[in-house]
Amino acid sequence: MLRNSLFATGKLRQSLACVLLRSSTRSSSTATPLDAGTQKEVRHHENHASEWWNQNGTMGALHALNEIRVPFIRDGIVSRGTVKPGYVNTTKVLKGQNILEVGCGGGLLTEQLARLGAQVTGIDLGEKLIEAARDHLKCSSPELSSNVLYKMEPVDQHAKANCEVYDAVIVSEVLEHVDDKVSLLEASVRTLKPGGSIFITTLNKTIPSWFGGVILSEYVLNLVPKGTHHWDKMISPLDVQRILDTMNCQTVLVNGSTYDFWSNTWRWINNTQMCYALQAVKQPLRESN
């Protein structure tokens, strides 16, 4: 009896925290100004907003990445047992799933998840990127309009009004552009329901990744715009896992991947020396003893 009472108190405390977060959103009319480093990253990506949906341009590798990251996310969600049995092995396998994509850019991944039936909210700091995403949705994928919502706002602001709302949160090709990874991940996890998954894809912080993903891709082959990636912003999967551990998220899967530039294809490999995809599950609040 006491055990159940304490557990209920814990859940009440968690619910009150969400209410307070929502209240703070209503009382705060202005967002926190972006720091200089973040503004520089946003401008860099906004400069390529018009090219975002060109599969043969500088976003070609990002388009190709969907071939492995969409199944990774889809299968990861299905593995948690939250998908209704009737939708498994159908083209609308994610129907009923509420997903947040943090740093959605022009919407390449957002639309693909919506095609699988999910309700997807994409947020980004770049006004031009959100405009590109909305324009493509309206002009090229109007059938997905009821499944997709785009917002230009930082994830910490979004989390204040959306505490424990989402079944899954996606942070794909974002961490390598962020200085304060802990704050971004903490806010992302706050929006996630207990039992929900956070999916992350990014470059590892290794010499092979730096040489292949930066020197070769940006400065030799011109596959990616120069200045896109920075060594000091890369992070290893172990460090991401350690951060998520402090947020009560248990890492359940880490896959290594690499990009074959000669064929514009991505594939899974048996190490994380180049890039990696990670899934972690937010654990339910533990019962107090």
Protein backbone atom coordinates (compact mmCIF):
# COMPACT_ATOMS: atom_id res chain seq x y z
CA MET A 1 0.00 0.00 0.00
CA LEU A 2 2.76 2.42 1.00
CA ARG A 3 4.76 1.35 -2.07
CA ASN A 4 1.84 2.21 -4.39
CA SER A 5 1.25 5.48 -2.57
CA LEU A 6 4.87 6.52 -2.98
CA PHE A 7 4.81 5.59 -6.66
CA ALA A 8 1.65 7.66 -7.15
CA THR A 9 3.35 10.57 -5.41
CA GLY A 10 6.29 10.24 -7.78
CA LYS A 11 4.01 10.28 -10.81
CA LEU A 12 2.17 13.30 -9.37
CA ARG A 13 5.49 15.09 -8.93
CA GLN A 14 6.37 14.35 -12.56
CA SER A 15 2.97 15.61 -13.73
CA LEU A 16 3.34 18.79 -11.67
CA ALA A 17 6.72 19.40 -13.30
CA CYS A 18 5.06 19.24 -16.72
CA VAL A 19 2.33 21.66 -15.61
CA LEU A 20 4.93 24.11 -14.31
CA LEU A 21 6.84 23.89 -17.57
CA ARG A 22 3.69 24.71 -19.54
CA SER A 23 2.92 27.60 -17.21
CA SER A 24 6.39 29.03 -17.68
CA THR A 25 5.82 28.99 -21.43
CA ARG A 26 2.66 31.05 -21.11
CA SER A 27 4.39 33.54 -18.82
CA SER A 28 7.38 33.98 -21.12
CA SER A 29 6.57 35.93 -24.27
CA THR A 30 10.07 35.98 -25.76
CA ALA A 31 12.49 33.19 -26.61
CA THR A 32 16.08 33.19 -25.39
CA PRO A 33 18.33 34.89 -27.99
CA LEU A 34 20.61 32.55 -29.93
CA ASP A 35 24.31 32.70 -29.15
CA ALA A 36 26.78 33.69 -31.87
CA GLY A 37 27.88 30.12 -32.56
CA THR A 38 24.33 28.90 -33.02
CA GLN A 39 23.48 31.86 -35.25
CA LYS A 40 26.47 31.01 -37.45
CA GLU A 41 25.33 27.39 -37.80
CA VAL A 42 21.78 28.47 -38.64
CA ARG A 43 22.99 30.93 -41.29
CA HIS A 44 25.26 28.31 -42.82
CA HIS A 45 22.38 25.89 -43.31
CA GLU A 46 19.93 28.59 -44.38
CA ASN A 47 22.32 29.50 -47.19
CA HIS A 48 21.52 26.10 -48.71
CA ALA A 49 17.77 26.09 -48.08
CA SER A 50 16.98 26.43 -51.78
CA GLU A 51 19.07 23.30 -52.52
CA TRP A 52 17.54 21.13 -49.77
CA TRP A 53 15.28 19.07 -52.00
CA ASN A 54 17.76 18.67 -54.87
CA GLN A 55 18.88 15.04 -54.71
CA ASN A 56 21.72 15.73 -57.13
CA GLY A 57 23.11 18.70 -55.23
CA THR A 58 25.00 19.21 -51.98
CA MET A 59 22.18 17.53 -50.04
CA GLY A 60 22.51 14.31 -52.01
CA ALA A 61 24.11 12.40 -49.13
CA LEU A 62 21.35 13.55 -46.77
CA HIS A 63 18.69 12.32 -49.20
CA ALA A 64 20.50 8.98 -49.48
CA LEU A 65 20.70 8.66 -45.70
CA ASN A 66 16.93 8.17 -45.59
CA GLU A 67 17.47 4.71 -47.07
CA ILE A 68 18.89 3.47 -43.77
CA ARG A 69 17.69 5.94 -41.12
CA VAL A 70 13.98 5.62 -41.93
CA PRO A 71 14.01 1.80 -41.47
CA PHE A 72 16.16 2.23 -38.34
CA ILE A 73 13.57 4.53 -36.79
CA ARG A 74 10.60 2.50 -38.04
CA ASP A 75 11.92 -0.81 -36.75
CA GLY A 76 13.03 0.75 -33.48
CA ILE A 77 9.54 2.05 -32.78
CA VAL A 78 7.94 -1.26 -33.76
CA SER A 79 10.33 -3.13 -31.45
CA ARG A 80 8.95 -1.26 -28.43
CA GLY A 81 5.54 -2.84 -28.96
CA THR A 82 3.61 0.43 -29.19
CA VAL A 83 2.49 -0.04 -32.80
CA LYS A 84 -0.95 -1.58 -33.17
CA PRO A 85 -0.64 -5.13 -34.58
CA GLY A 86 -2.89 -4.29 -37.51
CA TYR A 87 -0.41 -1.68 -38.77
CA VAL A 88 2.75 -3.80 -38.54
CA ASN A 89 4.04 -4.85 -41.98
CA THR A 90 1.84 -2.26 -43.71
CA THR A 91 2.72 0.97 -45.50
CA LYS A 92 1.20 2.90 -42.57
CA VAL A 93 3.16 1.09 -39.90
CA LEU A 94 3.63 4.27 -37.81
CA LYS A 95 -0.02 5.31 -37.84
CA GLY A 96 -0.97 6.61 -34.40
CA GLN A 97 2.64 7.47 -33.49
CA ASN A 98 3.32 11.08 -32.47
CA ILE A 99 6.89 12.03 -33.45
CA LEU A 100 9.04 15.12 -32.91
CA GLU A 101 11.97 15.83 -35.22
CA VAL A 102 14.46 18.25 -33.70
CA GLY A 103 16.43 20.13 -36.36
CA CYS A 104 14.20 19.05 -39.22
CA GLY A 105 15.86 21.32 -41.80
CA GLY A 106 13.92 21.29 -45.05
CA GLY A 107 11.87 18.25 -44.06
CA LEU A 108 13.62 15.37 -45.85
CA LEU A 109 13.12 12.94 -42.98
CA THR A 110 9.92 14.52 -41.70
CA GLU A 111 7.97 13.73 -44.85
CA GLN A 112 9.24 10.16 -45.04
CA LEU A 113 8.07 9.41 -41.50
CA ALA A 114 4.70 11.00 -42.28
CA ARG A 115 4.38 8.71 -45.31
CA LEU A 116 4.50 5.81 -42.87
CA GLY A 117 1.44 7.21 -41.14
CA ALA A 118 3.04 9.09 -38.24
CA GLN A 119 1.99 12.51 -36.99
CA VAL A 120 5.25 14.45 -37.21
CA THR A 121 6.17 17.83 -35.77
CA GLY A 122 9.37 19.26 -37.24
CA ILE A 123 11.14 22.12 -35.47
CA ASP A 124 14.16 24.10 -36.58
CA LEU A 125 15.88 27.40 -35.83
CA GLY A 126 16.21 28.39 -39.48
CA GLU A 127 13.35 30.45 -40.86
CA LYS A 128 14.40 29.78 -44.46
CA LEU A 129 14.63 26.05 -43.75
CA ILE A 130 11.12 25.95 -42.29
CA GLU A 131 9.89 27.92 -45.30
CA ALA A 132 11.54 25.39 -47.64
CA ALA A 133 9.94 22.53 -45.70
CA ARG A 134 6.49 24.12 -45.79
CA ASP A 135 6.78 24.99 -49.48
CA HIS A 136 7.74 21.43 -50.42
CA LEU A 137 4.94 20.00 -48.31
CA LYS A 138 2.39 22.30 -49.93
CA CYS A 139 3.58 21.99 -53.52
CA SER A 140 4.96 18.45 -53.75
CA SER A 141 3.39 16.45 -50.91
CA PRO A 142 -0.01 18.02 -50.14
CA GLU A 143 -1.40 14.59 -49.23
CA LEU A 144 0.83 14.68 -46.12
CA SER A 145 -0.38 18.09 -44.90
CA SER A 146 -2.62 16.61 -42.20
CA ASN A 147 0.32 14.56 -40.83
CA VAL A 148 3.00 17.24 -40.66
CA LEU A 149 3.42 20.42 -38.63
CA TYR A 150 6.47 22.68 -38.94
CA LYS A 151 7.51 25.22 -36.31
CA MET A 152 10.43 27.59 -36.10
CA GLU A 153 11.41 27.37 -32.45
CA PRO A 154 14.19 25.96 -30.23
CA VAL A 155 13.60 22.61 -28.61
CA ASP A 156 13.82 23.99 -25.05
CA GLN A 157 10.94 26.35 -25.81
CA HIS A 158 8.99 23.56 -27.50
CA ALA A 159 9.53 21.28 -24.50
CA LYS A 160 7.91 23.75 -22.11
CA ALA A 161 4.56 23.38 -23.87
CA ASN A 162 4.98 19.71 -24.88
CA CYS A 163 6.12 17.78 -21.83
CA GLU A 164 5.92 13.98 -22.34
CA VAL A 165 3.84 14.33 -25.50
CA TYR A 166 5.77 12.31 -28.10
CA ASP A 167 6.14 8.58 -28.70
CA ALA A 168 9.51 9.17 -30.39
CA VAL A 169 11.96 12.04 -30.79
CA ILE A 170 14.42 12.23 -33.69
CA VAL A 171 17.72 14.12 -33.50
CA SER A 172 19.26 13.23 -36.86
CA GLU A 173 22.42 14.93 -38.17
CA VAL A 174 22.06 17.65 -35.54
CA LEU A 175 24.43 16.99 -32.62
CA GLU A 176 27.50 17.71 -34.78
CA HIS A 177 26.26 21.29 -35.18
CA VAL A 178 25.47 21.98 -31.51
CA ASP A 179 27.75 23.25 -28.74
CA ASP A 180 25.51 22.54 -25.76
CA LYS A 181 24.51 18.96 -26.46
CA VAL A 182 23.40 18.28 -22.89
CA SER A 183 20.79 21.04 -22.95
CA LEU A 184 19.48 20.00 -26.37
CA LEU A 185 19.18 16.35 -25.36
CA GLU A 186 17.64 17.20 -21.99
CA ALA A 187 14.93 19.29 -23.64
CA SER A 188 14.36 16.60 -26.28
CA VAL A 189 13.95 13.90 -23.63
CA ARG A 190 11.52 16.10 -21.70
CA THR A 191 9.10 15.97 -24.65
CA LEU A 192 9.27 12.17 -24.73
CA LYS A 193 6.71 9.91 -23.06
CA PRO A 194 8.09 7.30 -20.62
CA GLY A 195 8.72 4.20 -22.72
CA GLY A 196 9.28 6.32 -25.82
CA SER A 197 12.47 6.29 -27.89
CA ILE A 198 14.96 8.95 -28.86
CA PHE A 199 16.81 8.28 -32.12
CA ILE A 200 20.12 9.96 -32.90
CA THR A 201 22.35 9.86 -35.98
CA THR A 202 25.64 11.75 -36.19
CA LEU A 203 29.35 11.55 -36.99
CA ASN A 204 31.70 9.95 -34.49
CA LYS A 205 34.62 11.96 -33.13
CA THR A 206 37.41 9.94 -34.70
CA ILE A 207 40.28 10.58 -37.11
CA PRO A 208 38.68 8.40 -39.86
CA SER A 209 35.41 10.30 -39.51
CA TRP A 210 37.20 13.65 -39.62
CA PHE A 211 39.19 12.69 -42.69
CA GLY A 212 36.29 11.11 -44.59
CA GLY A 213 33.42 13.28 -43.40
CA VAL A 214 35.19 16.63 -43.44
CA ILE A 215 38.49 16.76 -45.32
CA LEU A 216 37.47 14.44 -48.15
CA SER A 217 33.75 15.28 -48.36
CA GLU A 218 33.96 19.03 -47.91
CA TYR A 219 37.35 20.09 -49.26
CA VAL A 220 38.37 17.45 -51.81
CA LEU A 221 35.20 16.02 -53.37
CA ASN A 222 32.91 19.00 -52.59
CA LEU A 223 30.09 16.64 -51.63
CA VAL A 224 29.08 18.76 -48.64
CA PRO A 225 29.27 22.57 -48.28
CA LYS A 226 32.57 23.69 -46.76
CA GLY A 227 32.37 24.55 -43.09
CA THR A 228 29.49 22.17 -42.36
CA HIS A 229 31.29 20.03 -39.78
CA HIS A 230 33.71 20.88 -36.96
CA TRP A 231 35.95 18.57 -34.95
CA ASP A 232 35.13 20.18 -31.60
CA LYS A 233 31.41 19.59 -32.10
CA MET A 234 31.64 15.89 -32.93
CA ILE A 235 30.79 13.40 -30.20
CA SER A 236 31.32 9.68 -29.62
CA PRO A 237 28.42 7.25 -29.09
CA LEU A 238 29.75 6.44 -25.64
CA ASP A 239 29.56 10.09 -24.61
CA VAL A 240 26.02 10.38 -25.98
CA GLN A 241 25.08 7.25 -24.04
CA ARG A 242 26.57 8.70 -20.84
CA ILE A 243 24.56 11.90 -21.27
CA LEU A 244 21.34 9.98 -21.90
CA ASP A 245 22.00 7.76 -18.88
CA THR A 246 21.80 10.85 -16.65
CA MET A 247 18.37 11.56 -18.16
CA ASN A 248 16.97 8.11 -17.34
CA CYS A 249 17.27 6.95 -20.94
CA GLN A 250 18.66 3.48 -21.58
CA THR A 251 20.54 2.95 -24.83
CA VAL A 252 19.22 -0.20 -26.51
CA LEU A 253 20.91 -0.08 -29.91
CA VAL A 254 23.95 1.47 -31.59
CA ASN A 255 24.67 0.82 -35.27
CA GLY A 256 27.75 1.96 -37.18
CA SER A 257 27.33 3.37 -40.68
CA THR A 258 29.41 4.73 -43.53
CA TYR A 259 28.82 6.62 -46.78
CA ASP A 260 30.05 5.34 -50.16
CA PHE A 261 30.41 8.57 -52.13
CA TRP A 262 31.01 6.84 -55.47
CA SER A 263 27.49 5.35 -55.38
CA ASN A 264 25.79 7.90 -53.12
CA THR A 265 24.68 5.16 -50.75
CA TRP A 266 24.86 4.52 -47.02
CA ARG A 267 25.34 1.12 -45.40
CA TRP A 268 25.60 -0.36 -41.94
CA ILE A 269 29.03 -1.55 -40.80
CA ASN A 270 30.23 -3.48 -37.75
CA ASN A 271 31.97 -0.51 -36.10
CA THR A 272 31.18 3.12 -35.28
CA GLN A 273 34.45 4.64 -36.52
CA MET A 274 32.69 6.81 -39.11
CA CYS A 275 29.06 7.50 -38.23
CA TYR A 276 26.45 5.90 -36.00
CA ALA A 277 22.75 5.63 -35.25
CA LEU A 278 21.60 5.25 -31.65
CA GLN A 279 18.27 4.40 -30.02
CA ALA A 280 17.60 5.00 -26.34
CA VAL A 281 14.39 4.42 -24.39
CA LYS A 282 13.11 6.76 -21.69
CA GLN A 283 12.53 4.68 -18.61
CA PRO A 284 9.33 5.01 -16.56
CA LEU A 285 9.71 6.79 -13.23
CA ARG A 286 11.09 4.36 -10.71
CA GLU A 287 9.12 3.49 -7.65
CA SER A 288 10.44 5.01 -4.44
CA ASN A 289 11.59 2.68 -1.67
